[in-house]
Amino acid sequence: MVKAIIDVKEETNQVLNIIKAKFGLKDKSQAIDKMAEEYSEKVLEFELRPKVLSSFKEEK
């Protein structure tokens, strides 16, 4: 686990508090992890899928 001291905008802080409450998380670190998980699932994996699929097609 990595420890970090970060500065966030007040709006970001409010969003973290909402995520923390919505998912019953213990602290804002868990809220940041949840945000990263959701971002990864919705954006990163979607962007990688076409590249991965095309590489599989090329190998066949």
C-alpha atoms as a PDB file:
ATOM      1  CA  MET A   1       0.000   0.000   0.000  1.00  0.00           C
ATOM      2  CA  VAL A   2       1.213   3.499  -0.842  1.00  0.00           C
ATOM      3  CA  LYS A   3       0.657   6.413   1.505  1.00  0.00           C
ATOM      4  CA  ALA A   4       0.080   9.869   0.042  1.00  0.00           C
ATOM      5  CA  ILE A   5      -0.773  13.308   1.267  1.00  0.00           C
ATOM      6  CA  ILE A   6      -2.927  15.041  -1.322  1.00  0.00           C
ATOM      7  CA  ASP A   7      -4.631  18.391  -1.795  1.00  0.00           C
ATOM      8  CA  VAL A   8      -8.144  18.243  -3.240  1.00  0.00           C
ATOM      9  CA  LYS A   9     -10.723  20.872  -4.066  1.00  0.00           C
ATOM     10  CA  GLU A  10     -13.637  21.295  -1.670  1.00  0.00           C
ATOM     11  CA  GLU A  11     -15.981  19.846  -4.299  1.00  0.00           C
ATOM     12  CA  THR A  12     -13.779  16.756  -4.603  1.00  0.00           C
ATOM     13  CA  ASN A  13     -13.801  16.394  -0.839  1.00  0.00           C
ATOM     14  CA  GLN A  14     -17.598  16.481  -0.872  1.00  0.00           C
ATOM     15  CA  VAL A  15     -17.709  13.838  -3.614  1.00  0.00           C
ATOM     16  CA  LEU A  16     -15.376  11.616  -1.586  1.00  0.00           C
ATOM     17  CA  ASN A  17     -17.628  12.009   1.450  1.00  0.00           C
ATOM     18  CA  ILE A  18     -20.675  11.049  -0.620  1.00  0.00           C
ATOM     19  CA  ILE A  19     -18.935   7.966  -2.041  1.00  0.00           C
ATOM     20  CA  LYS A  20     -17.769   7.053   1.447  1.00  0.00           C
ATOM     21  CA  ALA A  21     -21.307   7.242   2.804  1.00  0.00           C
ATOM     22  CA  LYS A  22     -22.993   5.603  -0.191  1.00  0.00           C
ATOM     23  CA  PHE A  23     -20.788   2.507  -0.093  1.00  0.00           C
ATOM     24  CA  GLY A  24     -20.305   2.362   3.685  1.00  0.00           C
ATOM     25  CA  LEU A  25     -16.572   2.879   3.467  1.00  0.00           C
ATOM     26  CA  LYS A  26     -14.352   3.533   6.475  1.00  0.00           C
ATOM     27  CA  ASP A  27     -12.325   6.440   5.127  1.00  0.00           C
ATOM     28  CA  LYS A  28     -11.557   8.623   2.135  1.00  0.00           C
ATOM     29  CA  SER A  29      -8.727   6.333   1.068  1.00  0.00           C
ATOM     30  CA  GLN A  30     -11.312   3.641   0.415  1.00  0.00           C
ATOM     31  CA  ALA A  31     -13.445   6.209  -1.431  1.00  0.00           C
ATOM     32  CA  ILE A  32     -10.498   7.058  -3.691  1.00  0.00           C
ATOM     33  CA  ASP A  33      -9.929   3.334  -4.301  1.00  0.00           C
ATOM     34  CA  LYS A  34     -13.617   2.958  -5.200  1.00  0.00           C
ATOM     35  CA  MET A  35     -13.404   5.886  -7.634  1.00  0.00           C
ATOM     36  CA  ALA A  36     -10.313   4.361  -9.271  1.00  0.00           C
ATOM     37  CA  GLU A  37     -12.035   0.977  -9.528  1.00  0.00           C
ATOM     38  CA  GLU A  38     -15.114   2.491 -11.183  1.00  0.00           C
ATOM     39  CA  TYR A  39     -12.991   4.594 -13.557  1.00  0.00           C
ATOM     40  CA  SER A  40     -10.963   1.553 -14.488  1.00  0.00           C
ATOM     41  CA  GLU A  41     -14.039  -0.550 -15.213  1.00  0.00           C
ATOM     42  CA  LYS A  42     -15.859   2.122 -17.208  1.00  0.00           C
ATOM     43  CA  VAL A  43     -13.055   3.840 -19.075  1.00  0.00           C
ATOM     44  CA  LEU A  44      -9.733   2.047 -19.109  1.00  0.00           C
ATOM     45  CA  GLU A  45     -10.974  -1.451 -19.797  1.00  0.00           C
ATOM     46  CA  PHE A  46     -13.349  -0.163 -22.483  1.00  0.00           C
ATOM     47  CA  GLU A  47     -10.511   1.674 -24.230  1.00  0.00           C
ATOM     48  CA  LEU A  48      -8.294  -1.406 -24.103  1.00  0.00           C
ATOM     49  CA  ARG A  49     -10.898  -3.885 -25.342  1.00  0.00           C
ATOM     50  CA  PRO A  50     -10.746  -2.962 -29.055  1.00  0.00           C
ATOM     51  CA  LYS A  51      -6.944  -3.133 -29.001  1.00  0.00           C
ATOM     52  CA  VAL A  52      -6.964  -6.505 -27.265  1.00  0.00           C
ATOM     53  CA  LEU A  53      -9.596  -7.896 -29.618  1.00  0.00           C
ATOM     54  CA  SER A  54      -7.706  -6.731 -32.696  1.00  0.00           C
ATOM     55  CA  SER A  55      -4.481  -8.299 -31.393  1.00  0.00           C
ATOM     56  CA  PHE A  56      -6.292 -11.630 -30.947  1.00  0.00           C
ATOM     57  CA  LYS A  57      -7.613 -11.432 -34.500  1.00  0.00           C
ATOM     58  CA  GLU A  58      -4.114 -10.723 -35.834  1.00  0.00           C
ATOM     59  CA  GLU A  59      -2.666 -13.760 -34.018  1.00  0.00           C
ATOM     60  CA  LYS A  60      -5.147 -16.184 -35.634  1.00  0.00           C
END
